[in-house]
């Protein structure tokens, strides 16, 4: 995420991103409409946000697994030295 004031990249945790996506997902789910076009757009938005949430979870899990492997390798290297 790039902040507008400083143009610097802000580090955002996976939990924060997931929380934001879930908040938006719940907001969109609460929208009521009788127009079929709006209902279709709402369904597409819900599908998209669900996909984004799934990708965030998968990426977060992969990062945690890599971190554990890196720590294990470091421990083994420290033991061999």
Protein backbone atom coordinates (compact mmCIF):
# COMPACT_ATOMS: atom_id res chain seq x y z
CA UNK A 1 0.00 0.00 0.00
CA UNK A 2 1.39 3.43 -0.89
CA UNK A 3 0.48 6.22 1.46
CA UNK A 4 -0.64 9.43 -0.22
CA UNK A 5 1.19 11.82 2.09
CA UNK A 6 4.68 10.36 1.82
CA UNK A 7 4.58 8.14 -1.28
CA UNK A 8 6.34 5.51 0.81
CA UNK A 9 5.28 1.90 0.82
CA UNK A 10 3.61 0.91 4.08
CA UNK A 11 3.96 -2.65 5.28
CA UNK A 12 0.56 -4.13 5.99
CA UNK A 13 0.15 -7.50 7.67
CA UNK A 14 -1.86 -10.29 6.11
CA UNK A 15 -4.25 -10.08 9.05
CA UNK A 16 -4.87 -6.39 8.39
CA UNK A 17 -5.48 -7.01 4.69
CA UNK A 18 -7.77 -9.92 5.43
CA UNK A 19 -9.70 -7.83 7.96
CA UNK A 20 -10.19 -5.09 5.35
CA UNK A 21 -11.37 -7.56 2.71
CA UNK A 22 -13.81 -9.20 5.14
CA UNK A 23 -15.15 -5.78 6.15
CA UNK A 24 -15.80 -4.89 2.51
CA UNK A 25 -17.24 -8.33 1.83
CA UNK A 26 -19.73 -7.92 4.67
CA UNK A 27 -20.60 -4.40 3.49
CA UNK A 28 -21.31 -5.64 -0.04
CA UNK A 29 -23.33 -8.61 1.24
CA UNK A 30 -25.67 -6.24 3.11
CA UNK A 31 -26.53 -4.26 -0.02
CA UNK A 32 -30.08 -5.03 -1.10
CA UNK A 33 -31.28 -4.49 -4.65
CA UNK A 34 -34.11 -5.58 -6.89
CA UNK A 35 -32.27 -4.80 -10.12
CA UNK A 36 -30.86 -7.99 -11.68
CA UNK A 37 -27.85 -6.07 -13.04
CA UNK A 38 -27.00 -4.83 -9.55
CA UNK A 39 -27.51 -8.32 -8.12
CA UNK A 40 -25.14 -9.74 -10.72
CA UNK A 41 -22.54 -7.05 -10.02
CA UNK A 42 -22.91 -7.71 -6.29
CA UNK A 43 -22.40 -11.45 -6.81
CA UNK A 44 -19.30 -10.78 -8.94
CA UNK A 45 -17.91 -8.47 -6.26
CA UNK A 46 -18.51 -11.05 -3.54
CA UNK A 47 -16.79 -13.70 -5.65
CA UNK A 48 -13.84 -11.41 -6.30
CA UNK A 49 -13.43 -10.44 -2.64
CA UNK A 50 -13.67 -14.10 -1.61
CA UNK A 51 -10.94 -14.93 -4.10
CA UNK A 52 -8.75 -12.13 -2.75
CA UNK A 53 -9.26 -13.36 0.82
CA UNK A 54 -8.32 -16.88 -0.24
CA UNK A 55 -5.14 -15.61 -1.92
CA UNK A 56 -4.18 -13.61 1.18
CA UNK A 57 -4.61 -16.68 3.37
CA UNK A 58 -2.59 -18.88 1.01
CA UNK A 59 0.21 -16.31 0.75
CA UNK A 60 0.30 -15.83 4.52
CA UNK A 61 0.51 -19.57 5.12
CA UNK A 62 3.31 -19.91 2.56
CA UNK A 63 5.25 -17.06 4.17
CA UNK A 64 4.92 -18.72 7.59
CA UNK A 65 6.10 -22.07 6.23
CA UNK A 66 9.12 -20.46 4.56
CA UNK A 67 9.93 -18.59 7.77
CA UNK A 68 9.83 -21.86 9.75
CA UNK A 69 12.10 -23.57 7.21
CA UNK A 70 14.55 -20.66 7.28
CA UNK A 71 14.66 -20.81 11.08
CA UNK A 72 15.22 -24.57 11.00
CA UNK A 73 18.07 -24.18 8.49
CA UNK A 74 19.64 -21.44 10.60
CA UNK A 75 19.46 -23.63 13.71
CA UNK A 76 21.12 -26.50 11.87
CA UNK A 77 23.85 -24.24 10.51
CA UNK A 78 24.48 -22.86 14.01
CA UNK A 79 24.79 -26.40 15.38
CA UNK A 80 27.31 -27.35 12.68
CA UNK A 81 29.54 -24.35 13.40
